[in-house]
Amino acid sequence: MSFLAFLIFGGSVGLISAYLYPKKRLKLRYLLPYGLAGAVISFFVSFFGQTLGLFTSGQILEWSSALFLTILFIACLRAFSSK
């Protein structure tokens, strides 16, 4: 995945998963940290997956693992946040 794909894919997944989490709805100003967290999470998933030899760049396993782990991490953040 390229750097632009990390920002767009991870950021949009982070925003959507934080907004649709069934807790209390977020205000728009709180969505930016979740978008950035999604981009960072998708970068780390891709980096460590390629480093460990689990997949190569551009495979569907890379995209799906970044999607799954980003949703999981954002849901955990939303579950344990106080706002």
C-alpha atoms as a PDB file:
ATOM      1  CA  MET A   1       0.000   0.000   0.000  1.00  0.00           C
ATOM      2  CA  SER A   2       1.330   3.440  -0.770  1.00  0.00           C
ATOM      3  CA  PHE A   3       1.392   6.393   1.613  1.00  0.00           C
ATOM      4  CA  LEU A   4      -1.649   7.994  -0.013  1.00  0.00           C
ATOM      5  CA  ALA A   5      -3.566   4.720   0.306  1.00  0.00           C
ATOM      6  CA  PHE A   6      -2.748   4.615   4.026  1.00  0.00           C
ATOM      7  CA  LEU A   7      -4.153   8.090   4.493  1.00  0.00           C
ATOM      8  CA  ILE A   8      -7.287   7.604   2.424  1.00  0.00           C
ATOM      9  CA  PHE A   9      -8.139   3.994   3.282  1.00  0.00           C
ATOM     10  CA  GLY A  10      -7.113   4.005   6.931  1.00  0.00           C
ATOM     11  CA  GLY A  11      -8.499   7.459   7.580  1.00  0.00           C
ATOM     12  CA  SER A  12     -11.862   6.705   6.046  1.00  0.00           C
ATOM     13  CA  VAL A  13     -12.144   3.372   7.856  1.00  0.00           C
ATOM     14  CA  GLY A  14     -11.221   5.069  11.125  1.00  0.00           C
ATOM     15  CA  LEU A  15     -13.795   7.815  10.587  1.00  0.00           C
ATOM     16  CA  ILE A  16     -16.586   5.471   9.591  1.00  0.00           C
ATOM     17  CA  SER A  17     -15.954   2.980  12.391  1.00  0.00           C
ATOM     18  CA  ALA A  18     -15.738   5.727  15.034  1.00  0.00           C
ATOM     19  CA  TYR A  19     -18.892   7.411  13.765  1.00  0.00           C
ATOM     20  CA  LEU A  20     -20.949   4.224  13.502  1.00  0.00           C
ATOM     21  CA  TYR A  21     -19.905   2.813  16.876  1.00  0.00           C
ATOM     22  CA  PRO A  22     -23.154   2.256  18.817  1.00  0.00           C
ATOM     23  CA  LYS A  23     -22.145   4.371  21.787  1.00  0.00           C
ATOM     24  CA  LYS A  24     -23.029   8.068  21.811  1.00  0.00           C
ATOM     25  CA  ARG A  25     -22.515   9.807  18.450  1.00  0.00           C
ATOM     26  CA  LEU A  26     -19.340  11.806  18.055  1.00  0.00           C
ATOM     27  CA  LYS A  27     -19.182  15.466  17.146  1.00  0.00           C
ATOM     28  CA  LEU A  28     -17.321  16.339  13.975  1.00  0.00           C
ATOM     29  CA  ARG A  29     -14.360  17.863  15.792  1.00  0.00           C
ATOM     30  CA  TYR A  30     -13.628  14.536  17.497  1.00  0.00           C
ATOM     31  CA  LEU A  31     -13.468  12.598  14.231  1.00  0.00           C
ATOM     32  CA  LEU A  32     -10.040  13.889  13.172  1.00  0.00           C
ATOM     33  CA  PRO A  33      -8.063  11.941  15.820  1.00  0.00           C
ATOM     34  CA  TYR A  34      -9.896   8.754  14.855  1.00  0.00           C
ATOM     35  CA  GLY A  35      -9.124   9.331  11.182  1.00  0.00           C
ATOM     36  CA  LEU A  36      -5.450   9.823  11.952  1.00  0.00           C
ATOM     37  CA  ALA A  37      -5.454   6.762  14.200  1.00  0.00           C
ATOM     38  CA  GLY A  38      -6.974   4.731  11.360  1.00  0.00           C
ATOM     39  CA  ALA A  39      -4.247   5.852   8.955  1.00  0.00           C
ATOM     40  CA  VAL A  40      -1.498   5.024  11.457  1.00  0.00           C
ATOM     41  CA  ILE A  41      -3.001   1.629  12.276  1.00  0.00           C
ATOM     42  CA  SER A  42      -3.291   0.657   8.609  1.00  0.00           C
ATOM     43  CA  PHE A  43       0.341   1.709   8.081  1.00  0.00           C
ATOM     44  CA  PHE A  44       1.566  -0.442  10.974  1.00  0.00           C
ATOM     45  CA  VAL A  45      -0.522  -3.435   9.905  1.00  0.00           C
ATOM     46  CA  SER A  46       0.884  -3.239   6.396  1.00  0.00           C
ATOM     47  CA  PHE A  47       4.459  -2.640   7.543  1.00  0.00           C
ATOM     48  CA  PHE A  48       4.574  -5.446  10.085  1.00  0.00           C
ATOM     49  CA  GLY A  49       2.661  -7.858   7.859  1.00  0.00           C
ATOM     50  CA  GLN A  50       5.146  -7.355   5.038  1.00  0.00           C
ATOM     51  CA  THR A  51       8.097  -7.499   7.427  1.00  0.00           C
ATOM     52  CA  LEU A  52       6.940 -10.785   8.911  1.00  0.00           C
ATOM     53  CA  GLY A  53       6.260 -12.190   5.438  1.00  0.00           C
ATOM     54  CA  LEU A  54       2.518 -12.665   5.906  1.00  0.00           C
ATOM     55  CA  PHE A  55       1.671 -10.899   2.635  1.00  0.00           C
ATOM     56  CA  THR A  56       3.166  -8.708  -0.066  1.00  0.00           C
ATOM     57  CA  SER A  57       2.174  -5.203  -1.029  1.00  0.00           C
ATOM     58  CA  GLY A  58      -1.206  -4.927  -2.708  1.00  0.00           C
ATOM     59  CA  GLN A  59      -2.629  -8.308  -1.767  1.00  0.00           C
ATOM     60  CA  ILE A  60      -6.217  -8.512  -0.589  1.00  0.00           C
ATOM     61  CA  LEU A  61      -4.993  -9.957   2.721  1.00  0.00           C
ATOM     62  CA  GLU A  62      -3.142  -6.695   3.373  1.00  0.00           C
ATOM     63  CA  TRP A  63      -6.270  -4.624   2.760  1.00  0.00           C
ATOM     64  CA  SER A  64      -8.567  -6.892   4.733  1.00  0.00           C
ATOM     65  CA  SER A  65      -6.234  -7.151   7.707  1.00  0.00           C
ATOM     66  CA  ALA A  66      -5.816  -3.370   7.758  1.00  0.00           C
ATOM     67  CA  LEU A  67      -9.600  -2.997   7.604  1.00  0.00           C
ATOM     68  CA  PHE A  68     -10.290  -5.527  10.362  1.00  0.00           C
ATOM     69  CA  LEU A  69      -7.620  -4.323  12.782  1.00  0.00           C
ATOM     70  CA  THR A  70      -8.494  -0.664  12.246  1.00  0.00           C
ATOM     71  CA  ILE A  71     -12.149  -1.319  13.029  1.00  0.00           C
ATOM     72  CA  LEU A  72     -11.181  -3.404  16.064  1.00  0.00           C
ATOM     73  CA  PHE A  73      -8.779  -0.801  17.446  1.00  0.00           C
ATOM     74  CA  ILE A  74     -11.159   2.147  16.895  1.00  0.00           C
ATOM     75  CA  ALA A  75     -13.983   0.207  18.557  1.00  0.00           C
ATOM     76  CA  CYS A  76     -11.729  -0.435  21.552  1.00  0.00           C
ATOM     77  CA  LEU A  77     -10.813   3.244  21.694  1.00  0.00           C
ATOM     78  CA  ARG A  78     -14.464   4.244  21.575  1.00  0.00           C
ATOM     79  CA  ALA A  79     -15.414   1.674  24.206  1.00  0.00           C
ATOM     80  CA  PHE A  80     -12.845   2.885  26.692  1.00  0.00           C
ATOM     81  CA  SER A  81     -13.064   6.620  25.983  1.00  0.00           C
ATOM     82  CA  SER A  82     -14.789   8.822  28.507  1.00  0.00           C
ATOM     83  CA  LYS A  83     -16.516  11.132  26.005  1.00  0.00           C
END
